[in-house]
N, C-alpha and C. Protein backbone atom coordinates (compact mmCIF):
# COMPACT_ATOMS: atom_id res chain seq x y z
N MET A 1 -1.96 192.52 -88.08
CA MET A 1 -2.39 191.42 -89.10
C MET A 1 -0.92 190.38 -88.27
N PRO A 2 0.19 190.69 -89.22
CA PRO A 2 1.71 189.77 -88.92
C PRO A 2 1.43 189.60 -87.55
N ASP A 3 1.27 190.38 -86.61
CA ASP A 3 1.51 190.00 -84.92
C ASP A 3 0.75 188.66 -84.25
N LEU A 4 -0.50 188.50 -85.28
CA LEU A 4 -1.21 187.58 -84.52
C LEU A 4 -0.86 185.88 -85.33
N GLY A 5 0.07 186.11 -86.13
CA GLY A 5 0.68 184.89 -86.84
C GLY A 5 -0.06 183.77 -87.60
N ARG A 6 -0.79 184.78 -88.14
CA ARG A 6 -1.77 183.86 -89.28
C ARG A 6 -0.93 183.78 -89.86
N LEU A 7 -1.01 182.15 -90.79
CA LEU A 7 -0.64 181.98 -92.52
C LEU A 7 -0.87 182.48 -93.28
N SER A 8 -0.17 182.73 -94.41
CA SER A 8 -0.43 183.17 -95.75
C SER A 8 -1.33 181.94 -96.42
N THR A 9 -1.90 182.05 -97.67
CA THR A 9 -2.63 181.17 -98.44
C THR A 9 -1.50 180.00 -98.59
N GLU A 10 -0.27 180.64 -99.10
CA GLU A 10 0.82 179.76 -99.47
C GLU A 10 1.07 178.67 -98.21
N GLU A 11 1.09 179.63 -97.09
CA GLU A 11 1.82 178.65 -95.94
C GLU A 11 0.64 177.57 -96.20
N PHE A 12 -0.91 178.23 -95.73
CA PHE A 12 -1.95 176.90 -95.31
C PHE A 12 -1.76 176.07 -96.10
N GLN A 13 -1.66 176.20 -97.29
CA GLN A 13 -1.84 175.09 -98.45
C GLN A 13 -0.56 174.06 -98.29
N GLN A 14 0.37 174.70 -97.91
CA GLN A 14 1.66 173.58 -97.18
C GLN A 14 1.31 173.20 -95.45
N ALA A 15 0.46 173.70 -94.82
CA ALA A 15 0.42 173.76 -93.94
C ALA A 15 -0.19 172.09 -93.11
N GLU A 16 0.06 171.01 -92.39
CA GLU A 16 -0.35 169.64 -92.40
C GLU A 16 -1.87 170.35 -91.60
N LYS A 17 -2.87 169.46 -92.42
CA LYS A 17 -3.57 169.53 -91.70
C LYS A 17 -4.51 168.51 -91.13
N TRP A 18 -5.69 169.22 -90.19
CA TRP A 18 -6.55 167.77 -89.31
C TRP A 18 -6.67 166.84 -90.18
N PRO A 19 -7.14 165.95 -89.82
CA PRO A 19 -8.01 164.73 -91.20
C PRO A 19 -8.99 165.11 -91.08
N LEU A 20 -9.96 165.74 -91.30
CA LEU A 20 -11.21 166.52 -91.30
C LEU A 20 -11.73 167.22 -92.62
N VAL A 21 -12.81 167.15 -92.99
CA VAL A 21 -13.39 167.40 -94.05
C VAL A 21 -15.05 167.65 -94.11
N LEU A 22 -15.28 168.23 -94.50
CA LEU A 22 -16.91 168.67 -94.82
C LEU A 22 -16.93 168.40 -96.14
N VAL A 23 -18.25 167.83 -95.72
CA VAL A 23 -19.35 167.20 -97.67
C VAL A 23 -20.74 168.47 -97.44
N LEU A 24 -20.48 169.07 -98.08
CA LEU A 24 -21.63 169.97 -98.38
C LEU A 24 -22.55 169.84 -99.29
N ASP A 25 -23.93 168.92 -98.68
CA ASP A 25 -25.35 168.14 -99.72
C ASP A 25 -26.21 168.88 -100.43
N ASN A 26 -25.59 169.38 -101.43
CA ASN A 26 -26.71 170.85 -101.61
C ASN A 26 -27.11 171.57 -101.09
N VAL A 27 -26.58 172.52 -100.26
CA VAL A 27 -26.27 173.59 -99.70
C VAL A 27 -26.49 174.47 -100.92
N ARG A 28 -27.47 175.17 -100.63
CA ARG A 28 -28.13 176.43 -101.88
C ARG A 28 -27.09 177.68 -101.74
N SER A 29 -27.18 178.29 -100.34
CA SER A 29 -26.88 179.68 -100.19
C SER A 29 -25.37 179.73 -100.56
N MET A 30 -25.30 180.36 -101.45
CA MET A 30 -23.47 180.84 -101.52
C MET A 30 -22.99 181.44 -100.39
N SER A 31 -23.30 182.49 -99.50
CA SER A 31 -23.07 182.92 -98.19
C SER A 31 -22.80 181.69 -97.48
N ASN A 32 -23.76 180.86 -97.49
CA ASN A 32 -23.03 179.62 -96.42
C ASN A 32 -22.01 178.81 -96.86
N VAL A 33 -21.77 178.54 -98.23
CA VAL A 33 -20.92 177.87 -98.61
C VAL A 33 -19.51 178.96 -98.58
N GLY A 34 -19.50 179.80 -98.58
CA GLY A 34 -18.39 181.31 -97.91
C GLY A 34 -18.02 180.63 -96.98
N SER A 35 -19.31 180.70 -95.67
CA SER A 35 -19.11 180.74 -94.76
C SER A 35 -18.01 179.18 -94.03
N LEU A 36 -18.82 178.23 -94.20
CA LEU A 36 -18.21 177.42 -93.91
C LEU A 36 -16.87 176.90 -94.45
N MET A 37 -15.99 177.79 -95.67
CA MET A 37 -14.75 177.34 -96.67
C MET A 37 -13.79 178.47 -95.38
N ARG A 38 -14.30 179.41 -94.98
CA ARG A 38 -13.86 180.23 -94.06
C ARG A 38 -13.76 179.74 -92.96
N SER A 39 -14.52 178.72 -91.97
CA SER A 39 -14.97 178.10 -91.14
C SER A 39 -13.76 176.71 -91.42
N ALA A 40 -13.68 176.09 -92.69
CA ALA A 40 -12.84 175.02 -92.71
C ALA A 40 -11.23 175.61 -93.04
N ASP A 41 -11.22 177.03 -93.03
CA ASP A 41 -9.41 177.64 -93.18
C ASP A 41 -8.95 177.71 -91.17
N ALA A 42 -10.17 178.26 -90.95
CA ALA A 42 -9.68 178.21 -89.59
C ALA A 42 -9.15 177.07 -88.52
N PHE A 43 -9.81 176.43 -89.12
CA PHE A 43 -9.95 174.75 -88.58
C PHE A 43 -8.60 173.73 -89.13
N LEU A 44 -7.98 174.52 -90.13
CA LEU A 44 -7.20 173.61 -90.72
C LEU A 44 -7.59 172.43 -91.52
N CYS A 45 -8.99 172.35 -91.80
CA CYS A 45 -9.27 171.32 -92.78
C CYS A 45 -8.72 170.48 -93.69
N GLU A 46 -8.51 169.32 -93.97
CA GLU A 46 -8.24 168.87 -95.11
C GLU A 46 -8.63 169.28 -96.57
N GLY A 47 -10.22 169.36 -96.38
CA GLY A 47 -10.67 170.05 -97.68
C GLY A 47 -12.37 170.12 -97.42
N ILE A 48 -13.09 170.13 -98.77
CA ILE A 48 -14.31 170.63 -98.98
C ILE A 48 -14.82 169.80 -99.81
N TYR A 49 -15.92 169.07 -99.72
CA TYR A 49 -16.70 168.26 -100.96
C TYR A 49 -18.16 169.30 -101.60
N LEU A 50 -18.00 169.92 -102.55
CA LEU A 50 -18.96 170.52 -103.29
C LEU A 50 -19.82 169.42 -103.75
N CYS A 51 -21.17 169.26 -103.29
CA CYS A 51 -21.83 167.87 -103.98
C CYS A 51 -23.47 168.81 -104.20
N GLY A 52 -23.98 168.04 -105.71
CA GLY A 52 -25.13 168.50 -106.05
C GLY A 52 -25.06 169.78 -106.41
N ILE A 53 -26.89 170.56 -105.86
CA ILE A 53 -26.68 171.90 -106.18
C ILE A 53 -25.68 172.91 -105.59
N THR A 54 -25.02 172.55 -104.32
CA THR A 54 -24.33 173.71 -103.68
C THR A 54 -22.94 173.98 -104.77
N ALA A 55 -23.41 175.63 -104.78
CA ALA A 55 -22.31 176.47 -106.30
C ALA A 55 -21.14 176.54 -105.68
N THR A 56 -19.94 176.45 -106.79
CA THR A 56 -18.59 176.36 -106.53
C THR A 56 -17.94 177.45 -106.76
N PRO A 57 -16.72 177.92 -106.48
CA PRO A 57 -16.11 179.45 -106.75
C PRO A 57 -15.44 179.36 -107.69
N PRO A 58 -15.36 180.07 -109.11
CA PRO A 58 -15.17 181.40 -108.11
C PRO A 58 -16.81 181.95 -108.58
N HIS A 59 -17.22 183.08 -107.42
CA HIS A 59 -18.50 183.49 -107.64
C HIS A 59 -18.55 184.22 -105.92
N ARG A 60 -18.99 185.66 -106.68
CA ARG A 60 -18.31 186.82 -105.91
C ARG A 60 -19.62 186.33 -104.62
N ASP A 61 -20.91 185.76 -104.50
CA ASP A 61 -20.95 185.91 -103.24
C ASP A 61 -20.45 184.57 -101.85
N ILE A 62 -19.63 183.68 -103.19
CA ILE A 62 -18.84 183.19 -101.81
C ILE A 62 -17.68 183.43 -101.64
N THR A 63 -17.19 184.20 -102.35
CA THR A 63 -16.10 185.37 -102.38
C THR A 63 -16.52 186.19 -100.64
N LYS A 64 -17.51 186.89 -101.30
CA LYS A 64 -17.96 187.60 -99.84
C LYS A 64 -17.90 187.34 -98.61
N THR A 65 -17.89 186.41 -98.62
CA THR A 65 -18.02 185.35 -96.94
C THR A 65 -16.93 184.61 -96.78
N ALA A 66 -16.69 184.05 -97.58
CA ALA A 66 -15.02 183.02 -97.60
C ALA A 66 -13.90 184.46 -97.14
N ILE A 67 -13.81 185.44 -97.58
CA ILE A 67 -12.66 186.61 -97.16
C ILE A 67 -11.52 185.55 -97.99
N GLY A 68 -11.65 185.02 -99.09
CA GLY A 68 -9.93 184.37 -99.12
C GLY A 68 -9.65 182.93 -98.93
N ALA A 69 -10.91 182.27 -98.24
CA ALA A 69 -10.46 181.14 -97.87
C ALA A 69 -11.19 180.23 -99.09
N GLU A 70 -11.81 180.78 -100.18
CA GLU A 70 -12.15 179.70 -101.17
C GLU A 70 -10.36 179.46 -102.38
N LYS A 71 -9.63 180.10 -101.59
CA LYS A 71 -8.60 180.08 -102.63
C LYS A 71 -7.10 179.15 -101.70
N SER A 72 -7.60 179.30 -100.49
CA SER A 72 -6.82 178.32 -99.67
C SER A 72 -7.39 176.80 -99.35
N VAL A 73 -8.28 176.59 -98.51
CA VAL A 73 -9.00 175.56 -98.34
C VAL A 73 -8.84 174.51 -100.07
N HIS A 74 -8.50 173.16 -99.95
CA HIS A 74 -8.40 172.68 -101.00
C HIS A 74 -10.49 172.03 -100.81
N TRP A 75 -10.99 171.96 -102.25
CA TRP A 75 -12.65 172.00 -102.30
C TRP A 75 -12.39 171.13 -103.79
N GLN A 76 -13.57 170.65 -103.95
CA GLN A 76 -14.07 169.94 -105.07
C GLN A 76 -15.09 169.42 -105.32
N TYR A 77 -15.36 169.35 -106.37
CA TYR A 77 -17.30 168.87 -106.61
C TYR A 77 -16.99 167.92 -107.01
N ARG A 78 -18.60 167.10 -106.65
CA ARG A 78 -19.09 166.29 -106.89
C ARG A 78 -20.11 165.90 -107.64
N SER A 79 -20.99 165.38 -108.16
CA SER A 79 -22.66 165.78 -108.50
C SER A 79 -23.14 165.00 -107.68
N GLN A 80 -22.81 163.75 -106.83
CA GLN A 80 -23.18 163.00 -106.21
C GLN A 80 -23.04 162.52 -104.53
N THR A 81 -23.46 163.54 -103.93
CA THR A 81 -22.82 163.47 -102.57
C THR A 81 -22.49 161.79 -101.80
N ALA A 82 -23.19 160.77 -102.04
CA ALA A 82 -22.91 159.52 -102.03
C ALA A 82 -21.07 158.91 -102.18
N GLU A 83 -21.33 159.20 -103.62
CA GLU A 83 -19.91 159.09 -104.62
C GLU A 83 -18.77 159.53 -103.37
N ALA A 84 -19.02 161.27 -103.33
CA ALA A 84 -18.11 162.13 -102.10
C ALA A 84 -17.85 160.59 -100.96
N ILE A 85 -18.74 160.46 -100.39
CA ILE A 85 -19.15 159.89 -98.75
C ILE A 85 -18.27 158.63 -99.07
N GLN A 86 -18.41 157.77 -100.44
CA GLN A 86 -17.92 156.48 -100.67
C GLN A 86 -16.79 156.86 -100.17
N GLU A 87 -15.91 157.28 -101.25
CA GLU A 87 -14.57 157.92 -101.57
C GLU A 87 -13.60 157.94 -100.40
N LEU A 88 -14.49 159.20 -99.05
CA LEU A 88 -14.45 159.21 -98.34
C LEU A 88 -14.20 158.06 -97.33
N LYS A 89 -14.69 156.96 -96.68
CA LYS A 89 -15.05 156.02 -96.30
C LYS A 89 -14.10 154.81 -97.00
N SER A 90 -13.55 155.17 -98.03
CA SER A 90 -12.62 153.99 -98.90
C SER A 90 -10.50 154.44 -98.01
N ARG A 91 -11.13 155.80 -97.71
CA ARG A 91 -9.51 156.34 -97.12
C ARG A 91 -10.16 156.35 -95.42
N GLY A 92 -11.08 155.48 -94.59
CA GLY A 92 -10.76 155.40 -93.32
C GLY A 92 -11.79 156.56 -92.68
N PHE A 93 -12.52 157.51 -93.50
CA PHE A 93 -13.04 158.64 -92.45
C PHE A 93 -14.50 157.97 -91.99
N THR A 94 -14.65 158.82 -90.79
CA THR A 94 -16.02 158.30 -90.58
C THR A 94 -16.47 159.43 -90.45
N ILE A 95 -17.94 159.23 -91.50
CA ILE A 95 -18.71 160.14 -91.67
C ILE A 95 -19.67 160.24 -91.16
N TRP A 96 -20.27 161.65 -90.08
CA TRP A 96 -20.82 162.08 -89.00
C TRP A 96 -21.98 162.97 -90.38
N ALA A 97 -23.19 162.65 -90.31
CA ALA A 97 -24.37 163.47 -90.70
C ALA A 97 -24.58 164.87 -89.50
N LEU A 98 -24.64 166.47 -89.93
CA LEU A 98 -25.28 166.77 -89.06
C LEU A 98 -26.61 167.05 -89.05
N GLU A 99 -27.47 166.36 -88.41
CA GLU A 99 -28.68 166.28 -88.51
C GLU A 99 -29.80 165.85 -86.90
N GLN A 100 -30.99 166.38 -86.87
CA GLN A 100 -31.82 166.02 -86.46
C GLN A 100 -32.38 164.36 -86.19
N ALA A 101 -31.98 163.78 -86.35
CA ALA A 101 -32.16 162.00 -86.69
C ALA A 101 -32.73 161.07 -85.34
N HIS A 102 -33.40 159.80 -86.00
CA HIS A 102 -33.82 159.18 -84.80
C HIS A 102 -32.01 158.71 -84.62
N ASN A 103 -32.00 158.23 -83.19
CA ASN A 103 -30.36 157.66 -82.73
C ASN A 103 -29.46 159.30 -83.16
N SER A 104 -29.40 160.13 -83.26
CA SER A 104 -28.48 161.14 -83.64
C SER A 104 -28.05 161.59 -82.01
N VAL A 105 -26.86 161.47 -82.15
CA VAL A 105 -25.55 161.72 -80.78
C VAL A 105 -25.76 163.54 -80.42
N PRO A 106 -25.95 163.86 -79.12
CA PRO A 106 -26.18 165.04 -78.60
C PRO A 106 -24.10 165.48 -78.97
N LEU A 107 -24.51 166.95 -80.13
CA LEU A 107 -22.43 167.13 -79.84
C LEU A 107 -21.59 166.95 -78.64
N HIS A 108 -22.14 167.17 -77.15
CA HIS A 108 -21.40 167.53 -76.56
C HIS A 108 -21.12 165.81 -75.71
N GLU A 109 -21.95 165.30 -76.41
CA GLU A 109 -21.91 163.78 -76.22
C GLU A 109 -20.48 163.10 -76.76
N VAL A 110 -20.52 163.50 -78.00
CA VAL A 110 -20.04 162.90 -79.11
C VAL A 110 -18.19 162.42 -78.78
N ARG A 111 -17.44 161.47 -79.16
CA ARG A 111 -15.89 161.88 -79.01
C ARG A 111 -15.56 161.41 -80.52
N PHE A 112 -14.44 161.88 -80.99
CA PHE A 112 -14.70 161.84 -82.09
C PHE A 112 -13.31 160.65 -82.40
N GLY A 113 -12.11 160.62 -81.68
CA GLY A 113 -11.08 159.61 -81.55
C GLY A 113 -10.24 160.53 -82.24
N GLN A 114 -9.15 159.82 -82.73
CA GLN A 114 -8.10 160.38 -83.60
C GLN A 114 -7.94 160.05 -85.35
N GLY A 115 -8.85 159.51 -85.79
CA GLY A 115 -9.04 158.73 -87.17
C GLY A 115 -10.16 160.03 -87.69
N PRO A 116 -9.33 159.67 -88.94
CA PRO A 116 -9.73 160.80 -90.22
C PRO A 116 -11.23 161.23 -90.02
N THR A 117 -12.47 162.16 -89.84
CA THR A 117 -13.48 162.58 -89.79
C THR A 117 -14.25 163.25 -91.08
N ALA A 118 -15.04 163.36 -91.08
CA ALA A 118 -16.46 164.09 -91.77
C ALA A 118 -17.76 164.35 -91.48
N PHE A 119 -17.65 165.50 -91.68
CA PHE A 119 -18.98 166.29 -91.05
C PHE A 119 -19.97 166.10 -92.50
N VAL A 120 -20.94 165.71 -92.76
CA VAL A 120 -21.64 166.14 -93.67
C VAL A 120 -22.79 167.16 -93.55
N LEU A 121 -23.21 168.24 -94.28
CA LEU A 121 -24.08 169.68 -93.78
C LEU A 121 -24.72 169.47 -95.31
N GLY A 122 -26.19 169.55 -94.47
CA GLY A 122 -27.32 169.95 -95.83
C GLY A 122 -28.11 171.09 -95.92
N HIS A 123 -28.65 170.57 -97.34
CA HIS A 123 -29.95 171.62 -97.60
C HIS A 123 -30.28 172.20 -96.66
N GLU A 124 -30.37 173.83 -96.72
CA GLU A 124 -30.92 174.50 -95.73
C GLU A 124 -32.56 174.35 -95.31
N ILE A 125 -33.02 174.12 -95.76
CA ILE A 125 -34.71 174.00 -95.79
C ILE A 125 -34.89 171.92 -95.34
N ASP A 126 -34.56 171.59 -96.46
CA ASP A 126 -34.52 170.14 -96.53
C ASP A 126 -33.20 169.33 -95.51
N GLY A 127 -32.31 169.66 -95.23
CA GLY A 127 -31.27 169.20 -94.34
C GLY A 127 -30.91 168.31 -95.31
N VAL A 128 -29.68 167.24 -94.94
CA VAL A 128 -29.56 166.32 -95.50
C VAL A 128 -30.00 164.91 -95.66
N SER A 129 -29.95 164.30 -97.15
CA SER A 129 -30.95 163.80 -98.00
C SER A 129 -31.22 162.40 -97.37
N GLN A 130 -31.94 161.61 -97.31
CA GLN A 130 -32.10 160.19 -96.92
C GLN A 130 -31.21 159.43 -97.31
N GLU A 131 -31.15 159.47 -98.70
CA GLU A 131 -30.11 158.45 -99.29
C GLU A 131 -28.45 158.97 -98.61
N VAL A 132 -28.62 160.28 -98.42
CA VAL A 132 -27.18 160.41 -97.89
C VAL A 132 -27.18 160.32 -96.45
N MET A 133 -27.77 160.09 -95.71
CA MET A 133 -27.99 159.80 -94.23
C MET A 133 -28.00 158.33 -94.48
N GLU A 134 -28.19 157.49 -95.21
CA GLU A 134 -28.53 155.93 -95.07
C GLU A 134 -26.58 155.80 -95.57
N CYS A 135 -25.74 156.64 -95.87
CA CYS A 135 -24.42 156.66 -96.15
C CYS A 135 -23.52 156.77 -95.21
N CYS A 136 -23.72 157.55 -94.10
CA CYS A 136 -23.37 158.31 -93.01
C CYS A 136 -23.19 157.12 -91.78
N ASP A 137 -22.14 157.25 -90.95
CA ASP A 137 -21.80 156.36 -89.69
C ASP A 137 -22.63 156.70 -89.06
N ALA A 138 -23.26 157.78 -88.50
CA ALA A 138 -24.18 157.87 -87.55
C ALA A 138 -24.22 159.78 -87.80
N ALA A 139 -25.10 160.44 -87.03
CA ALA A 139 -25.85 161.47 -86.95
C ALA A 139 -25.29 162.26 -85.39
N LEU A 140 -24.70 163.46 -85.43
CA LEU A 140 -24.97 163.97 -84.57
C LEU A 140 -25.86 165.37 -84.42
N GLU A 141 -26.73 165.57 -83.18
CA GLU A 141 -27.35 167.02 -83.28
C GLU A 141 -26.45 168.00 -82.45
N ILE A 142 -27.00 169.16 -82.22
CA ILE A 142 -26.84 170.31 -81.59
C ILE A 142 -27.78 170.53 -81.21
N PRO A 143 -27.80 170.05 -80.04
CA PRO A 143 -29.58 170.73 -79.14
C PRO A 143 -29.26 172.03 -78.91
N GLN A 144 -30.96 171.97 -78.63
CA GLN A 144 -31.31 173.34 -78.77
C GLN A 144 -32.70 173.40 -78.33
N PHE A 145 -32.83 174.97 -77.79
CA PHE A 145 -33.91 175.15 -76.43
C PHE A 145 -34.71 175.83 -76.35
N GLY A 146 -34.94 176.95 -77.76
CA GLY A 146 -35.64 177.66 -78.12
C GLY A 146 -36.77 177.08 -78.84
N THR A 147 -37.39 178.04 -79.13
CA THR A 147 -38.82 177.66 -80.46
C THR A 147 -38.36 177.19 -81.90
N LYS A 148 -37.22 177.44 -82.40
CA LYS A 148 -36.69 177.08 -83.15
C LYS A 148 -35.99 175.79 -83.56
N HIS A 149 -36.04 175.28 -84.25
CA HIS A 149 -35.68 173.52 -84.35
C HIS A 149 -34.62 173.65 -85.10
N SER A 150 -33.81 174.72 -85.99
CA SER A 150 -32.65 174.45 -86.60
C SER A 150 -31.65 175.51 -86.27
N LEU A 151 -30.60 175.50 -86.35
CA LEU A 151 -29.59 176.55 -86.76
C LEU A 151 -28.66 176.39 -88.11
N ASN A 152 -28.78 178.32 -88.65
CA ASN A 152 -28.06 178.14 -89.79
C ASN A 152 -26.84 177.29 -90.11
N VAL A 153 -27.03 176.62 -91.33
CA VAL A 153 -26.08 175.48 -91.74
C VAL A 153 -24.68 175.17 -91.23
N SER A 154 -24.15 176.76 -91.61
CA SER A 154 -22.51 177.40 -91.53
C SER A 154 -22.32 177.73 -89.63
N VAL A 155 -23.49 177.85 -88.98
CA VAL A 155 -23.28 178.08 -87.56
C VAL A 155 -23.16 176.58 -87.09
N SER A 156 -24.23 175.77 -87.39
CA SER A 156 -24.01 174.27 -87.04
C SER A 156 -21.90 174.10 -87.79
N GLY A 157 -21.91 173.70 -89.07
CA GLY A 157 -20.84 173.55 -89.07
C GLY A 157 -19.54 174.16 -88.43
N GLY A 158 -19.39 175.68 -87.97
CA GLY A 158 -18.46 176.31 -87.44
C GLY A 158 -18.54 175.52 -85.59
N MET A 159 -20.13 175.25 -85.09
CA MET A 159 -20.17 174.46 -84.18
C MET A 159 -19.19 173.29 -84.11
N ALA A 160 -19.44 172.43 -85.03
CA ALA A 160 -18.94 171.06 -85.14
C ALA A 160 -17.45 171.15 -85.39
N LEU A 161 -17.28 172.00 -86.20
CA LEU A 161 -15.57 172.46 -85.94
C LEU A 161 -14.74 172.54 -85.13
N TRP A 162 -15.26 173.35 -83.90
CA TRP A 162 -14.61 173.82 -82.63
C TRP A 162 -14.81 172.47 -82.02
N GLU A 163 -15.76 171.90 -81.63
CA GLU A 163 -15.96 170.16 -81.12
C GLU A 163 -14.59 170.03 -81.42
N PHE A 164 -14.77 169.32 -82.79
CA PHE A 164 -13.30 168.38 -82.74
C PHE A 164 -12.29 169.04 -82.51
N ALA A 165 -11.92 170.22 -83.29
CA ALA A 165 -10.43 171.08 -82.41
C ALA A 165 -10.78 171.24 -81.26
N ARG A 166 -11.94 171.50 -79.77
CA ARG A 166 -11.59 171.16 -78.77
C ARG A 166 -11.51 169.84 -78.01
N GLN A 167 -11.54 168.48 -78.43
CA GLN A 167 -11.16 167.45 -78.08
C GLN A 167 -9.76 167.18 -78.69
N ARG A 168 -9.05 167.29 -79.93
CA ARG A 168 -8.00 167.54 -80.52
C ARG A 168 -7.03 167.67 -79.61
N LEU A 169 -7.63 169.18 -79.37
CA LEU A 169 -6.33 170.27 -78.63
C LEU A 169 -6.55 169.57 -76.55
N SER A 170 -7.12 169.03 -76.69
CA SER A 170 -7.68 168.87 -75.08
C SER A 170 -7.03 167.34 -74.82
N HIS A 171 -6.85 166.30 -75.97
CA HIS A 171 -6.95 165.10 -76.05
C HIS A 171 -5.21 164.66 -76.76
N GLY A 172 -4.53 165.69 -77.22
CA GLY A 172 -3.24 165.58 -77.86
C GLY A 172 -3.44 165.62 -79.07
């Protein structure tokens, strides 16, 4: 692992982060929470808001998939997702819901720009709540072509994080 140039937890905490935040709106699976924490670490996210019924560390089911990211990624809990979004908006974040919605933008057509960005990911069955959708600036959707109409929330989050990173890396 040392040959891979990976940051230690302490180095990660001190490293400059991308202006990117995940907001989990009532994500019920602790495995998904841990997986999204791991992805947030992989993409140097500024942090994660865990909202509503979303579980918080420490918990073995989060740790099992986070594999230590619950210690490296800055996270905070909010009982109301809309409050977390308003806080981010006051800091200049553009808020994207990852949701199949009227007027959603396909992920491959989104241009994130250089400003701070937040992705809101919702409940595994019900998605992002309507109240929260109304707080978001826009919705992005990952086009799908099979019989299923949704992806696992942690898979969707990872794909959106990668697209954000890809754009930042290719545009400086």
